[in-house]
Amino acid sequence: MTDLGARLEAAALSLTGPGPIKERLLDAYSQHLGDIASTDVPGELGEKFAAMILALHQAKVLPGDDVVRASVRKLSNDQACRYAELVIKLYGMFAGMKYQVASNRGGARLTAPLAKLLSAEAVDAV
């Protein structure tokens, strides 16, 4: 499997192209996400990704069709939009992780969250 972040980026770009959301979701999943295991995705988003995989593999298949295409056809537009949003969230999460790792190479310090900095300043002022 190639870089998960790159595959999520390609899927996200597929989702932003022209055409109906169901066609874009089918393309994104079939071309870029189909062989990603839910265990490759951490935390709560992994559970949601597993639910998406299940939903995209449960329709009865007609001769000459495939299960993902048949399952996507049976989704409502709202369901297709939710799965597309999930893919975009996953891409954003991995892009953020990649940025954080790249920013910390060479011994750079991790930046503290703003709330933590503000609370430290409040303690120092007392």
Protein backbone atom coordinates (compact mmCIF):
# COMPACT_ATOMS: atom_id res chain seq x y z
CA MET A 1 0.00 0.00 0.00
CA THR A 2 1.30 3.44 -0.86
CA ASP A 3 1.33 6.37 1.55
CA LEU A 4 -2.04 6.61 3.29
CA GLY A 5 -1.91 10.40 3.31
CA ALA A 6 -1.35 10.52 -0.44
CA ARG A 7 -4.24 8.15 -1.05
CA LEU A 8 -6.53 10.22 1.16
CA GLU A 9 -5.46 13.34 -0.71
CA ALA A 10 -6.26 11.70 -4.06
CA ALA A 11 -9.65 10.58 -2.69
CA ALA A 12 -10.37 14.09 -1.41
CA LEU A 13 -9.53 15.53 -4.83
CA SER A 14 -11.87 12.99 -6.45
CA LEU A 15 -14.63 14.15 -4.15
CA THR A 16 -14.18 17.79 -5.16
CA GLY A 17 -14.52 17.12 -8.89
CA PRO A 18 -17.61 17.55 -11.05
CA GLY A 19 -20.59 15.23 -11.05
CA PRO A 20 -23.12 13.85 -8.60
CA ILE A 21 -21.85 13.08 -5.09
CA LYS A 22 -22.55 9.37 -5.42
CA GLU A 23 -20.38 9.13 -8.55
CA ARG A 24 -17.59 11.08 -6.86
CA LEU A 25 -17.79 8.87 -3.75
CA LEU A 26 -17.71 5.73 -5.88
CA ASP A 27 -14.65 7.01 -7.74
CA ALA A 28 -12.86 8.08 -4.56
CA TYR A 29 -13.48 4.75 -2.84
CA SER A 30 -12.86 2.49 -5.84
CA GLN A 31 -9.74 4.27 -7.08
CA HIS A 32 -8.06 5.27 -3.82
CA LEU A 33 -9.60 3.80 -0.66
CA GLY A 34 -10.91 0.34 -1.47
CA ASP A 35 -8.03 -1.62 0.02
CA ILE A 36 -7.45 0.53 3.10
CA ALA A 37 -8.35 -1.38 6.25
CA SER A 38 -10.27 0.36 9.01
CA THR A 39 -7.40 -0.60 11.33
CA ASP A 40 -5.13 1.70 9.27
CA VAL A 41 -7.23 4.64 10.47
CA PRO A 42 -6.83 5.59 14.14
CA GLY A 43 -9.45 6.33 16.77
CA GLU A 44 -13.05 7.34 16.30
CA LEU A 45 -12.52 8.08 12.62
CA GLY A 46 -11.37 4.48 12.18
CA GLU A 47 -14.69 3.28 13.57
CA LYS A 48 -16.55 5.60 11.19
CA PHE A 49 -14.37 4.42 8.31
CA ALA A 50 -15.25 0.81 9.22
CA ALA A 51 -18.95 1.72 9.14
CA MET A 52 -18.47 3.29 5.71
CA ILE A 53 -16.71 0.16 4.42
CA LEU A 54 -19.57 -1.96 5.72
CA ALA A 55 -22.18 0.30 4.12
CA LEU A 56 -20.34 0.17 0.79
CA HIS A 57 -20.29 -3.63 0.79
CA GLN A 58 -23.83 -4.65 1.74
CA ALA A 59 -26.03 -4.29 -1.33
CA LYS A 60 -27.14 -7.31 -3.29
CA VAL A 61 -25.12 -7.48 -6.49
CA LEU A 62 -26.72 -8.00 -9.87
CA PRO A 63 -24.85 -9.88 -12.60
CA GLY A 64 -22.23 -7.65 -14.21
CA ASP A 65 -22.22 -5.18 -11.30
CA ASP A 66 -19.94 -4.88 -8.31
CA VAL A 67 -20.89 -4.60 -4.65
CA VAL A 68 -19.51 -1.10 -4.11
CA ARG A 69 -21.30 0.35 -7.14
CA ALA A 70 -24.57 -1.32 -6.11
CA SER A 71 -24.17 -0.15 -2.50
CA VAL A 72 -23.42 3.45 -3.49
CA ARG A 73 -26.49 3.47 -5.73
CA LYS A 74 -28.62 2.51 -2.71
CA LEU A 75 -27.22 5.30 -0.50
CA SER A 76 -29.22 8.48 -0.02
CA ASN A 77 -27.51 11.70 -1.07
CA ASP A 78 -27.22 12.60 2.63
CA GLN A 79 -25.44 9.34 3.38
CA ALA A 80 -23.09 9.85 0.44
CA CYS A 81 -22.35 13.39 1.67
CA ARG A 82 -21.58 12.09 5.19
CA TYR A 83 -19.12 9.54 3.81
CA ALA A 84 -17.53 12.20 1.60
CA GLU A 85 -17.16 14.44 4.66
CA LEU A 86 -15.52 11.57 6.52
CA VAL A 87 -12.93 11.15 3.77
CA ILE A 88 -12.20 14.90 3.85
CA LYS A 89 -11.83 14.79 7.67
CA LEU A 90 -9.46 11.84 7.38
CA TYR A 91 -7.40 13.68 4.80
CA GLY A 92 -7.30 16.78 7.00
CA MET A 93 -6.21 14.72 9.99
CA PHE A 94 -3.40 13.02 8.09
CA ALA A 95 -2.31 16.27 6.42
CA GLY A 96 -2.13 17.91 9.85
CA MET A 97 -0.11 15.01 11.25
CA LYS A 98 2.28 15.16 8.27
CA TYR A 99 2.71 18.92 8.74
CA GLN A 100 3.38 18.50 12.46
CA VAL A 101 6.00 15.82 11.84
CA ALA A 102 7.66 17.90 9.10
CA SER A 103 7.67 20.98 11.35
CA ASN A 104 9.35 19.08 14.19
CA ARG A 105 12.29 17.68 12.23
CA GLY A 106 15.67 19.04 13.18
CA GLY A 107 14.93 19.29 16.89
CA ALA A 108 12.27 21.96 16.68
CA ARG A 109 10.08 22.22 19.77
CA LEU A 110 6.44 21.22 19.71
CA THR A 111 4.20 24.22 20.14
CA ALA A 112 1.88 24.22 23.12
CA PRO A 113 -1.83 24.82 22.63
CA LEU A 114 -2.94 28.43 23.16
CA ALA A 115 -5.04 27.56 26.23
CA LYS A 116 -2.03 25.96 27.90
CA LEU A 117 0.12 29.02 27.17
CA LEU A 118 -2.54 31.39 28.47
CA SER A 119 -2.94 29.41 31.69
CA ALA A 120 0.83 29.41 32.20
CA GLU A 121 0.90 33.19 31.76
CA ALA A 122 -1.89 33.57 34.30
CA VAL A 123 0.08 31.55 36.87
CA ASP A 124 3.24 33.59 36.23
CA ALA A 125 1.33 36.87 36.70
CA VAL A 126 0.14 35.88 40.19
